[in-house]
Amino acid sequence: MAIRMPRIIKKSSTAGDVPKGHFAVYVGEKQKKRFVIPLSFLSQPAFQDLLSQAEEEFGFDHPMGGLTIPCSEDVFIDLTSSLCRI
């Protein structure tokens, strides 16, 4: 029996390439990088905490025109990797 893991995609392309069931976020402290992640992450408490931090820092006026996560790329990758194992 195989276990299917959600994919986290690091991208620098346009918004039109987000697969169904995923959404794009911008991550980084100085230089923002775009990641496409599964919608299922939205229900995870650890990811919801990260979204609360983003709301506190940016409100709903995101400078990148999309959801911006205020953490380092390494922290984001560690968090999303752990969510993939849940």
C-alpha atoms as a PDB file:
ATOM      1  CA  MET A   1       0.000   0.000   0.000  1.00  0.00           C
ATOM      2  CA  ALA A   2       1.501   3.322  -1.062  1.00  0.00           C
ATOM      3  CA  ILE A   3       1.206   6.558   0.870  1.00  0.00           C
ATOM      4  CA  ARG A   4       0.617   9.643  -1.240  1.00  0.00           C
ATOM      5  CA  MET A   5       2.342  12.750   0.106  1.00  0.00           C
ATOM      6  CA  PRO A   6       1.226  16.264  -0.849  1.00  0.00           C
ATOM      7  CA  ARG A   7       3.775  18.166  -2.886  1.00  0.00           C
ATOM      8  CA  ILE A   8       5.209  21.527  -2.004  1.00  0.00           C
ATOM      9  CA  ILE A   9       6.333  23.316  -5.124  1.00  0.00           C
ATOM     10  CA  LYS A  10       8.834  26.164  -5.097  1.00  0.00           C
ATOM     11  CA  LYS A  11       8.054  28.354  -8.086  1.00  0.00           C
ATOM     12  CA  SER A  12       8.867  31.659  -9.633  1.00  0.00           C
ATOM     13  CA  SER A  13       6.257  31.540 -12.374  1.00  0.00           C
ATOM     14  CA  THR A  14       2.862  33.167 -12.815  1.00  0.00           C
ATOM     15  CA  ALA A  15      -0.303  32.824 -10.763  1.00  0.00           C
ATOM     16  CA  GLY A  16      -2.094  30.911 -13.510  1.00  0.00           C
ATOM     17  CA  ASP A  17      -0.162  27.704 -12.861  1.00  0.00           C
ATOM     18  CA  VAL A  18      -1.575  26.783  -9.431  1.00  0.00           C
ATOM     19  CA  PRO A  19      -3.010  23.244  -9.597  1.00  0.00           C
ATOM     20  CA  LYS A  20      -6.492  22.497  -8.322  1.00  0.00           C
ATOM     21  CA  GLY A  21      -6.465  21.928  -4.555  1.00  0.00           C
ATOM     22  CA  HIS A  22      -3.414  24.151  -3.983  1.00  0.00           C
ATOM     23  CA  PHE A  23      -2.665  27.821  -3.333  1.00  0.00           C
ATOM     24  CA  ALA A  24       0.347  30.083  -3.643  1.00  0.00           C
ATOM     25  CA  VAL A  25       2.142  31.847  -0.793  1.00  0.00           C
ATOM     26  CA  TYR A  26       5.181  34.111  -0.688  1.00  0.00           C
ATOM     27  CA  VAL A  27       7.787  33.254   1.934  1.00  0.00           C
ATOM     28  CA  GLY A  28      10.923  34.957   3.134  1.00  0.00           C
ATOM     29  CA  GLU A  29      12.215  37.742   5.288  1.00  0.00           C
ATOM     30  CA  LYS A  30      13.927  39.924   2.680  1.00  0.00           C
ATOM     31  CA  GLN A  31      13.585  38.239  -0.690  1.00  0.00           C
ATOM     32  CA  LYS A  32      10.203  36.533  -1.099  1.00  0.00           C
ATOM     33  CA  LYS A  33       9.942  33.175  -2.855  1.00  0.00           C
ATOM     34  CA  ARG A  34       6.704  31.721  -4.154  1.00  0.00           C
ATOM     35  CA  PHE A  35       5.539  28.280  -3.015  1.00  0.00           C
ATOM     36  CA  VAL A  36       2.466  26.338  -4.088  1.00  0.00           C
ATOM     37  CA  ILE A  37       1.084  24.224  -1.245  1.00  0.00           C
ATOM     38  CA  PRO A  38      -1.976  21.977  -0.677  1.00  0.00           C
ATOM     39  CA  LEU A  39      -5.197  23.517   0.618  1.00  0.00           C
ATOM     40  CA  SER A  40      -5.252  20.797   3.286  1.00  0.00           C
ATOM     41  CA  PHE A  41      -2.569  22.759   5.187  1.00  0.00           C
ATOM     42  CA  LEU A  42      -5.199  25.383   6.040  1.00  0.00           C
ATOM     43  CA  SER A  43      -6.792  23.039   8.577  1.00  0.00           C
ATOM     44  CA  GLN A  44      -3.528  22.338  10.428  1.00  0.00           C
ATOM     45  CA  PRO A  45      -3.045  24.260  13.732  1.00  0.00           C
ATOM     46  CA  ALA A  46       0.669  24.917  13.067  1.00  0.00           C
ATOM     47  CA  PHE A  47      -0.122  26.473   9.697  1.00  0.00           C
ATOM     48  CA  GLN A  48      -2.990  28.478  11.182  1.00  0.00           C
ATOM     49  CA  ASP A  49      -0.509  29.950  13.696  1.00  0.00           C
ATOM     50  CA  LEU A  50       1.696  30.998  10.791  1.00  0.00           C
ATOM     51  CA  LEU A  51      -1.297  32.630   9.090  1.00  0.00           C
ATOM     52  CA  SER A  52      -2.097  34.546  12.295  1.00  0.00           C
ATOM     53  CA  GLN A  53       1.471  35.896  12.323  1.00  0.00           C
ATOM     54  CA  ALA A  54       1.073  36.945   8.686  1.00  0.00           C
ATOM     55  CA  GLU A  55      -2.167  38.764   9.525  1.00  0.00           C
ATOM     56  CA  GLU A  56      -0.505  40.587  12.439  1.00  0.00           C
ATOM     57  CA  GLU A  57       2.447  41.696  10.325  1.00  0.00           C
ATOM     58  CA  PHE A  58       0.762  42.471   7.010  1.00  0.00           C
ATOM     59  CA  GLY A  59      -2.976  42.673   7.695  1.00  0.00           C
ATOM     60  CA  PHE A  60      -4.863  42.084   4.487  1.00  0.00           C
ATOM     61  CA  ASP A  61      -2.749  44.450   2.367  1.00  0.00           C
ATOM     62  CA  HIS A  62      -0.014  42.145   1.110  1.00  0.00           C
ATOM     63  CA  PRO A  63       2.866  43.859  -0.725  1.00  0.00           C
ATOM     64  CA  MET A  64       3.328  40.885  -3.072  1.00  0.00           C
ATOM     65  CA  GLY A  65      -0.317  40.864  -4.144  1.00  0.00           C
ATOM     66  CA  GLY A  66      -0.828  37.484  -2.475  1.00  0.00           C
ATOM     67  CA  LEU A  67      -0.546  35.737   0.848  1.00  0.00           C
ATOM     68  CA  THR A  68       2.842  36.577   2.391  1.00  0.00           C
ATOM     69  CA  ILE A  69       4.255  34.464   5.229  1.00  0.00           C
ATOM     70  CA  PRO A  70       6.710  36.385   7.466  1.00  0.00           C
ATOM     71  CA  CYS A  71       9.288  33.706   8.219  1.00  0.00           C
ATOM     72  CA  SER A  72      12.498  32.395   6.756  1.00  0.00           C
ATOM     73  CA  GLU A  73      12.358  29.962   3.884  1.00  0.00           C
ATOM     74  CA  ASP A  74      14.052  27.280   6.026  1.00  0.00           C
ATOM     75  CA  VAL A  75      11.438  27.568   8.806  1.00  0.00           C
ATOM     76  CA  PHE A  76       8.614  27.378   6.249  1.00  0.00           C
ATOM     77  CA  ILE A  77      10.097  24.296   4.578  1.00  0.00           C
ATOM     78  CA  ASP A  78      10.584  22.587   7.966  1.00  0.00           C
ATOM     79  CA  LEU A  79       6.978  23.325   8.940  1.00  0.00           C
ATOM     80  CA  THR A  80       5.450  22.199   5.663  1.00  0.00           C
ATOM     81  CA  SER A  81       7.634  19.079   5.607  1.00  0.00           C
ATOM     82  CA  SER A  82       6.310  18.120   9.037  1.00  0.00           C
ATOM     83  CA  LEU A  83       2.740  18.758   7.830  1.00  0.00           C
ATOM     84  CA  CYS A  84       3.315  16.404   4.911  1.00  0.00           C
ATOM     85  CA  ARG A  85       4.039  13.608   7.397  1.00  0.00           C
ATOM     86  CA  ILE A  86       0.742  14.064   9.252  1.00  0.00           C
END
